[in-house]
Amino acid sequence: MKNRLHYQISEYDCGPTSMLNAISYLFQREEIPPEIIRNIMLYCLDCYSTEGVAGKSGTSRAAMMFLSNWLNGFGRIGQLPVTSRYLDSKSVYFGRESYINDALRRGGVVVLRLFYDEWHYVLLTGEKDGRIYMFDPYDRGGPFEEKDIIWTMEHPKEYNCIVPETYFNREELSLYALGPVEGREAVLLFNNKTELTPDKTIEYFI
């Protein structure tokens, strides 16, 4: 059984929430070992606020890189058929040759760092006709003022908003923008059993 995706329970835990949502989206609940839940929470929320309070500046890029590497190792030893890849700077963009678009087309998901009033992590679960299907863990409680962003509660196990791809590649700090190239970050994740590859299906080539 697949779980519903979750919303963050504080102002700071978008990082671990999005990583846990990625695992929930890719795997059946019965497949997910408790160790992966424990370690996602253990490695995230590592940033200190200016007042020196642990976790109040969320999750660092270094923590996400470490977690991506740990997930790869966890997959290699056979604990869960998961593969992860960390991307940063120039490799994080949307377009024809984007690793992000490719991952979404092949059944993977992407935990993406972008701007939403401040730096924020979300989960991408699909793409179609220039629109990105996304689960934003910050519960805004209602539709966007932007009429081209669709907010929906009808797909709780997949996504809660559909965003035009054009929002993301912007370098300015605006809604859902990736921001300056040097600060960009994404984690690609796959279920090795469901990932579309050339040797699994002809549809990958179309």
C-alpha atoms as a PDB file:
ATOM      1  CA  MET A   1       0.000   0.000   0.000  1.00  0.00           C
ATOM      2  CA  LYS A   2       1.234   3.496  -0.844  1.00  0.00           C
ATOM      3  CA  ASN A   3       1.099   6.186   1.841  1.00  0.00           C
ATOM      4  CA  ARG A   4      -0.371   9.642   1.455  1.00  0.00           C
ATOM      5  CA  LEU A   5       2.371  12.248   1.198  1.00  0.00           C
ATOM      6  CA  HIS A   6       2.913  14.381   4.270  1.00  0.00           C
ATOM      7  CA  TYR A   7       3.113  18.055   5.135  1.00  0.00           C
ATOM      8  CA  GLN A   8       5.879  19.464   7.294  1.00  0.00           C
ATOM      9  CA  ILE A   9       4.988  19.886  10.961  1.00  0.00           C
ATOM     10  CA  SER A  10       7.120  22.988  11.600  1.00  0.00           C
ATOM     11  CA  GLU A  11       8.557  25.928   9.667  1.00  0.00           C
ATOM     12  CA  TYR A  12      11.860  24.105   9.249  1.00  0.00           C
ATOM     13  CA  ASP A  13      11.422  20.437   8.274  1.00  0.00           C
ATOM     14  CA  CYS A  14      10.698  20.722   4.526  1.00  0.00           C
ATOM     15  CA  GLY A  15      13.958  18.853   3.794  1.00  0.00           C
ATOM     16  CA  PRO A  16      13.353  15.637   5.739  1.00  0.00           C
ATOM     17  CA  THR A  17       9.640  15.741   4.905  1.00  0.00           C
ATOM     18  CA  SER A  18      10.380  15.882   1.168  1.00  0.00           C
ATOM     19  CA  MET A  19      12.929  13.064   1.416  1.00  0.00           C
ATOM     20  CA  LEU A  20      10.466  10.891   3.340  1.00  0.00           C
ATOM     21  CA  ASN A  21       7.788  11.741   0.770  1.00  0.00           C
ATOM     22  CA  ALA A  22      10.152  10.620  -1.989  1.00  0.00           C
ATOM     23  CA  ILE A  23      10.515   7.212  -0.335  1.00  0.00           C
ATOM     24  CA  SER A  24       6.749   7.012   0.270  1.00  0.00           C
ATOM     25  CA  TYR A  25       6.044   7.784  -3.377  1.00  0.00           C
ATOM     26  CA  LEU A  26       8.538   5.259  -4.747  1.00  0.00           C
ATOM     27  CA  PHE A  27       7.851   2.320  -2.440  1.00  0.00           C
ATOM     28  CA  GLN A  28       4.993   0.452  -0.834  1.00  0.00           C
ATOM     29  CA  ARG A  29       4.602   1.074   2.875  1.00  0.00           C
ATOM     30  CA  GLU A  30       5.394  -2.575   3.637  1.00  0.00           C
ATOM     31  CA  GLU A  31       8.744  -2.304   1.815  1.00  0.00           C
ATOM     32  CA  ILE A  32      10.116   0.664   3.767  1.00  0.00           C
ATOM     33  CA  PRO A  33      12.532  -0.308   6.571  1.00  0.00           C
ATOM     34  CA  PRO A  34      12.531   1.807   9.758  1.00  0.00           C
ATOM     35  CA  GLU A  35      16.258   2.506   9.426  1.00  0.00           C
ATOM     36  CA  ILE A  36      15.686   4.739   6.412  1.00  0.00           C
ATOM     37  CA  ILE A  37      13.153   6.842   8.324  1.00  0.00           C
ATOM     38  CA  ARG A  38      15.457   7.169  11.308  1.00  0.00           C
ATOM     39  CA  ASN A  39      18.469   8.217   9.249  1.00  0.00           C
ATOM     40  CA  ILE A  40      16.616  10.770   7.124  1.00  0.00           C
ATOM     41  CA  MET A  41      15.554  12.523  10.336  1.00  0.00           C
ATOM     42  CA  LEU A  42      19.001  12.046  11.877  1.00  0.00           C
ATOM     43  CA  TYR A  43      20.952  13.628   9.015  1.00  0.00           C
ATOM     44  CA  CYS A  44      18.583  16.543   8.269  1.00  0.00           C
ATOM     45  CA  LEU A  45      17.768  19.673  10.294  1.00  0.00           C
ATOM     46  CA  ASP A  46      21.471  20.290  10.860  1.00  0.00           C
ATOM     47  CA  CYS A  47      21.537  24.085  10.416  1.00  0.00           C
ATOM     48  CA  TYR A  48      21.652  26.517  13.331  1.00  0.00           C
ATOM     49  CA  SER A  49      19.774  29.816  13.439  1.00  0.00           C
ATOM     50  CA  THR A  50      21.567  33.112  14.053  1.00  0.00           C
ATOM     51  CA  GLU A  51      20.547  32.701  17.708  1.00  0.00           C
ATOM     52  CA  GLY A  52      22.326  29.339  17.831  1.00  0.00           C
ATOM     53  CA  VAL A  53      19.195  27.181  17.911  1.00  0.00           C
ATOM     54  CA  ALA A  54      19.703  23.765  16.302  1.00  0.00           C
ATOM     55  CA  GLY A  55      17.469  23.014  13.304  1.00  0.00           C
ATOM     56  CA  LYS A  56      15.932  26.468  13.024  1.00  0.00           C
ATOM     57  CA  SER A  57      17.621  27.088   9.685  1.00  0.00           C
ATOM     58  CA  GLY A  58      16.486  23.781   8.239  1.00  0.00           C
ATOM     59  CA  THR A  59      18.673  21.359   6.312  1.00  0.00           C
ATOM     60  CA  SER A  60      22.026  22.141   4.701  1.00  0.00           C
ATOM     61  CA  ARG A  61      23.153  21.236   1.201  1.00  0.00           C
ATOM     62  CA  ALA A  62      25.962  19.190   2.768  1.00  0.00           C
ATOM     63  CA  ALA A  63      23.397  17.119   4.661  1.00  0.00           C
ATOM     64  CA  MET A  64      21.406  16.460   1.494  1.00  0.00           C
ATOM     65  CA  MET A  65      24.573  15.379  -0.327  1.00  0.00           C
ATOM     66  CA  PHE A  66      25.509  13.054   2.525  1.00  0.00           C
ATOM     67  CA  LEU A  67      21.980  11.622   2.669  1.00  0.00           C
ATOM     68  CA  SER A  68      21.983  10.988  -1.094  1.00  0.00           C
ATOM     69  CA  ASN A  69      25.272   9.082  -0.773  1.00  0.00           C
ATOM     70  CA  TRP A  70      23.956   7.118   2.207  1.00  0.00           C
ATOM     71  CA  LEU A  71      20.808   6.113   0.287  1.00  0.00           C
ATOM     72  CA  ASN A  72      22.992   4.826  -2.556  1.00  0.00           C
ATOM     73  CA  GLY A  73      24.949   2.695  -0.107  1.00  0.00           C
ATOM     74  CA  PHE A  74      21.742   1.476   1.504  1.00  0.00           C
ATOM     75  CA  GLY A  75      20.554   0.369  -1.929  1.00  0.00           C
ATOM     76  CA  ARG A  76      23.834  -1.348  -2.827  1.00  0.00           C
ATOM     77  CA  ILE A  77      23.729  -3.610   0.226  1.00  0.00           C
ATOM     78  CA  GLY A  78      20.239  -4.769  -0.719  1.00  0.00           C
ATOM     79  CA  GLN A  79      18.218  -3.138   2.054  1.00  0.00           C
ATOM     80  CA  LEU A  80      15.936  -1.311  -0.399  1.00  0.00           C
ATOM     81  CA  PRO A  81      16.154  -1.125  -4.231  1.00  0.00           C
ATOM     82  CA  VAL A  82      16.845   2.602  -4.188  1.00  0.00           C
ATOM     83  CA  THR A  83      19.298   4.688  -6.219  1.00  0.00           C
ATOM     84  CA  SER A  84      20.069   8.333  -5.543  1.00  0.00           C
ATOM     85  CA  ARG A  85      22.071  11.012  -7.339  1.00  0.00           C
ATOM     86  CA  TYR A  86      22.987  14.462  -6.013  1.00  0.00           C
ATOM     87  CA  LEU A  87      23.093  17.387  -8.454  1.00  0.00           C
ATOM     88  CA  ASP A  88      24.239  20.947  -7.935  1.00  0.00           C
ATOM     89  CA  SER A  89      24.921  24.256  -9.703  1.00  0.00           C
ATOM     90  CA  LYS A  90      24.830  24.091 -13.541  1.00  0.00           C
ATOM     91  CA  SER A  91      23.394  20.566 -13.657  1.00  0.00           C
ATOM     92  CA  VAL A  92      20.179  21.731 -11.932  1.00  0.00           C
ATOM     93  CA  TYR A  93      17.814  23.147 -14.546  1.00  0.00           C
ATOM     94  CA  PHE A  94      14.739  22.218 -16.572  1.00  0.00           C
ATOM     95  CA  GLY A  95      14.870  21.569 -20.283  1.00  0.00           C
ATOM     96  CA  ARG A  96      15.386  19.091 -23.069  1.00  0.00           C
ATOM     97  CA  GLU A  97      18.681  17.674 -21.769  1.00  0.00           C
ATOM     98  CA  SER A  98      17.952  18.119 -18.066  1.00  0.00           C
ATOM     99  CA  TYR A  99      18.707  15.293 -15.640  1.00  0.00           C
ATOM    100  CA  ILE A 100      15.602  16.393 -13.729  1.00  0.00           C
ATOM    101  CA  ASN A 101      13.226  16.024 -16.675  1.00  0.00           C
ATOM    102  CA  ASP A 102      14.863  12.728 -17.585  1.00  0.00           C
ATOM    103  CA  ALA A 103      14.422  11.356 -14.053  1.00  0.00           C
ATOM    104  CA  LEU A 104      10.734  12.290 -14.008  1.00  0.00           C
ATOM    105  CA  ARG A 105      10.142  10.691 -17.415  1.00  0.00           C
ATOM    106  CA  ARG A 106      11.764   7.471 -16.191  1.00  0.00           C
ATOM    107  CA  GLY A 107       9.564   7.110 -13.115  1.00  0.00           C
ATOM    108  CA  GLY A 108      11.937   8.709 -10.621  1.00  0.00           C
ATOM    109  CA  VAL A 109      11.330  11.614  -8.277  1.00  0.00           C
ATOM    110  CA  VAL A 110      13.319  14.734  -7.475  1.00  0.00           C
ATOM    111  CA  VAL A 111      13.799  16.509  -4.159  1.00  0.00           C
ATOM    112  CA  LEU A 112      14.466  20.069  -5.246  1.00  0.00           C
ATOM    113  CA  ARG A 113      15.700  23.174  -3.462  1.00  0.00           C
ATOM    114  CA  LEU A 114      13.943  26.326  -4.644  1.00  0.00           C
ATOM    115  CA  PHE A 115      12.678  29.672  -3.394  1.00  0.00           C
ATOM    116  CA  TYR A 116       9.361  30.113  -1.588  1.00  0.00           C
ATOM    117  CA  ASP A 117       9.656  33.248   0.564  1.00  0.00           C
ATOM    118  CA  GLU A 118      12.893  31.581   1.681  1.00  0.00           C
ATOM    119  CA  TRP A 119      14.858  28.499   0.596  1.00  0.00           C
ATOM    120  CA  HIS A 120      12.606  25.474   0.589  1.00  0.00           C
ATOM    121  CA  TYR A 121      12.596  21.776  -0.401  1.00  0.00           C
ATOM    122  CA  VAL A 122       9.793  20.192  -2.444  1.00  0.00           C
ATOM    123  CA  LEU A 123       9.173  16.854  -4.169  1.00  0.00           C
ATOM    124  CA  LEU A 124       8.686  16.555  -7.943  1.00  0.00           C
ATOM    125  CA  THR A 125       6.805  13.454  -9.075  1.00  0.00           C
ATOM    126  CA  GLY A 126       6.047  13.977 -12.766  1.00  0.00           C
ATOM    127  CA  GLU A 127       6.136  16.185 -15.864  1.00  0.00           C
ATOM    128  CA  LYS A 128       3.848  16.557 -18.861  1.00  0.00           C
ATOM    129  CA  ASP A 129       3.420  19.145 -21.623  1.00  0.00           C
ATOM    130  CA  GLY A 130       5.685  21.719 -19.981  1.00  0.00           C
ATOM    131  CA  ARG A 131       4.128  21.381 -16.535  1.00  0.00           C
ATOM    132  CA  ILE A 132       5.701  19.899 -13.422  1.00  0.00           C
ATOM    133  CA  TYR A 133       3.730  17.825 -10.908  1.00  0.00           C
ATOM    134  CA  MET A 134       4.923  18.699  -7.424  1.00  0.00           C
ATOM    135  CA  PHE A 135       4.167  17.984  -3.790  1.00  0.00           C
ATOM    136  CA  ASP A 136       4.961  21.067  -1.748  1.00  0.00           C
ATOM    137  CA  PRO A 137       5.156  20.041   1.940  1.00  0.00           C
ATOM    138  CA  TYR A 138       4.227  23.538   3.115  1.00  0.00           C
ATOM    139  CA  ASP A 139       0.464  23.531   3.615  1.00  0.00           C
ATOM    140  CA  ARG A 140      -0.633  26.918   2.287  1.00  0.00           C
ATOM    141  CA  GLY A 141      -4.306  26.155   2.900  1.00  0.00           C
ATOM    142  CA  GLY A 142      -5.631  27.345  -0.442  1.00  0.00           C
ATOM    143  CA  PRO A 143      -5.014  28.280  -4.089  1.00  0.00           C
ATOM    144  CA  PHE A 144      -2.227  30.528  -5.355  1.00  0.00           C
ATOM    145  CA  GLU A 145      -2.827  34.064  -6.575  1.00  0.00           C
ATOM    146  CA  GLU A 146      -0.936  32.981  -9.700  1.00  0.00           C
ATOM    147  CA  LYS A 147      -3.668  31.560 -11.927  1.00  0.00           C
ATOM    148  CA  ASP A 148      -1.299  29.321 -13.887  1.00  0.00           C
ATOM    149  CA  ILE A 149      -0.347  27.295 -10.784  1.00  0.00           C
ATOM    150  CA  ILE A 150      -2.956  24.661  -9.984  1.00  0.00           C
ATOM    151  CA  TRP A 151      -3.377  23.746  -6.306  1.00  0.00           C
ATOM    152  CA  THR A 152      -5.197  20.448  -5.745  1.00  0.00           C
ATOM    153  CA  MET A 153      -6.024  18.117  -2.862  1.00  0.00           C
ATOM    154  CA  GLU A 154      -7.323  15.343  -5.120  1.00  0.00           C
ATOM    155  CA  HIS A 155      -4.035  13.413  -5.496  1.00  0.00           C
ATOM    156  CA  PRO A 156      -2.695  13.042  -1.922  1.00  0.00           C
ATOM    157  CA  LYS A 157      -0.322  10.200  -2.834  1.00  0.00           C
ATOM    158  CA  GLU A 158       1.191  11.980  -5.849  1.00  0.00           C
ATOM    159  CA  TYR A 159       1.123  15.798  -5.933  1.00  0.00           C
ATOM    160  CA  ASN A 160      -0.666  18.888  -4.636  1.00  0.00           C
ATOM    161  CA  CYS A 161       0.225  21.453  -7.276  1.00  0.00           C
ATOM    162  CA  ILE A 162       0.993  21.670 -10.978  1.00  0.00           C
ATOM    163  CA  VAL A 163       3.505  24.367 -11.917  1.00  0.00           C
ATOM    164  CA  PRO A 164       4.526  25.611 -15.374  1.00  0.00           C
ATOM    165  CA  GLU A 165       8.131  24.617 -16.039  1.00  0.00           C
ATOM    166  CA  THR A 166       8.983  28.252 -16.833  1.00  0.00           C
ATOM    167  CA  TYR A 167       8.829  29.153 -13.131  1.00  0.00           C
ATOM    168  CA  PHE A 168      11.873  27.109 -12.203  1.00  0.00           C
ATOM    169  CA  ASN A 169      14.844  28.227 -14.324  1.00  0.00           C
ATOM    170  CA  ARG A 170      14.695  31.849 -13.174  1.00  0.00           C
ATOM    171  CA  GLU A 171      17.724  33.140 -11.296  1.00  0.00           C
ATOM    172  CA  GLU A 172      15.913  35.833  -9.311  1.00  0.00           C
ATOM    173  CA  LEU A 173      14.462  34.995  -5.891  1.00  0.00           C
ATOM    174  CA  SER A 174      10.818  34.620  -6.865  1.00  0.00           C
ATOM    175  CA  LEU A 175       8.138  31.970  -6.333  1.00  0.00           C
ATOM    176  CA  TYR A 176       9.479  28.452  -7.108  1.00  0.00           C
ATOM    177  CA  ALA A 177      12.599  29.827  -8.815  1.00  0.00           C
ATOM    178  CA  LEU A 178      15.815  27.793  -8.617  1.00  0.00           C
ATOM    179  CA  GLY A 179      17.692  31.029  -8.034  1.00  0.00           C
ATOM    180  CA  PRO A 180      21.378  31.725  -8.731  1.00  0.00           C
ATOM    181  CA  VAL A 181      23.075  28.870 -10.573  1.00  0.00           C
ATOM    182  CA  GLU A 182      25.881  28.395  -8.065  1.00  0.00           C
ATOM    183  CA  GLY A 183      23.415  27.675  -5.236  1.00  0.00           C
ATOM    184  CA  ARG A 184      21.172  25.152  -7.001  1.00  0.00           C
ATOM    185  CA  GLU A 185      20.619  21.669  -5.649  1.00  0.00           C
ATOM    186  CA  ALA A 186      18.553  18.563  -6.416  1.00  0.00           C
ATOM    187  CA  VAL A 187      18.465  14.901  -5.394  1.00  0.00           C
ATOM    188  CA  LEU A 188      17.230  12.332  -7.925  1.00  0.00           C
ATOM    189  CA  LEU A 189      15.782   9.109  -6.523  1.00  0.00           C
ATOM    190  CA  PHE A 190      14.660   5.894  -8.228  1.00  0.00           C
ATOM    191  CA  ASN A 191      13.053   2.608  -7.294  1.00  0.00           C
ATOM    192  CA  ASN A 192      15.304   0.226  -9.230  1.00  0.00           C
ATOM    193  CA  LYS A 193      12.383  -2.144  -9.819  1.00  0.00           C
ATOM    194  CA  THR A 194      10.136   0.462 -11.465  1.00  0.00           C
ATOM    195  CA  GLU A 195      12.679   2.783 -13.131  1.00  0.00           C
ATOM    196  CA  LEU A 196      12.233   2.922 -16.899  1.00  0.00           C
ATOM    197  CA  THR A 197      15.447   2.028 -18.731  1.00  0.00           C
ATOM    198  CA  PRO A 198      16.174   1.061 -22.354  1.00  0.00           C
ATOM    199  CA  ASP A 199      16.399  -2.620 -21.470  1.00  0.00           C
ATOM    200  CA  LYS A 200      13.042  -2.615 -19.659  1.00  0.00           C
ATOM    201  CA  THR A 201      10.701  -0.884 -22.083  1.00  0.00           C
ATOM    202  CA  ILE A 202      10.592   0.501 -25.599  1.00  0.00           C
ATOM    203  CA  GLU A 203       8.557   3.449 -24.289  1.00  0.00           C
ATOM    204  CA  TYR A 204      11.750   4.986 -22.896  1.00  0.00           C
ATOM    205  CA  PHE A 205      12.885   5.787 -26.451  1.00  0.00           C
ATOM    206  CA  ILE A 206       9.650   7.474 -27.580  1.00  0.00           C
END
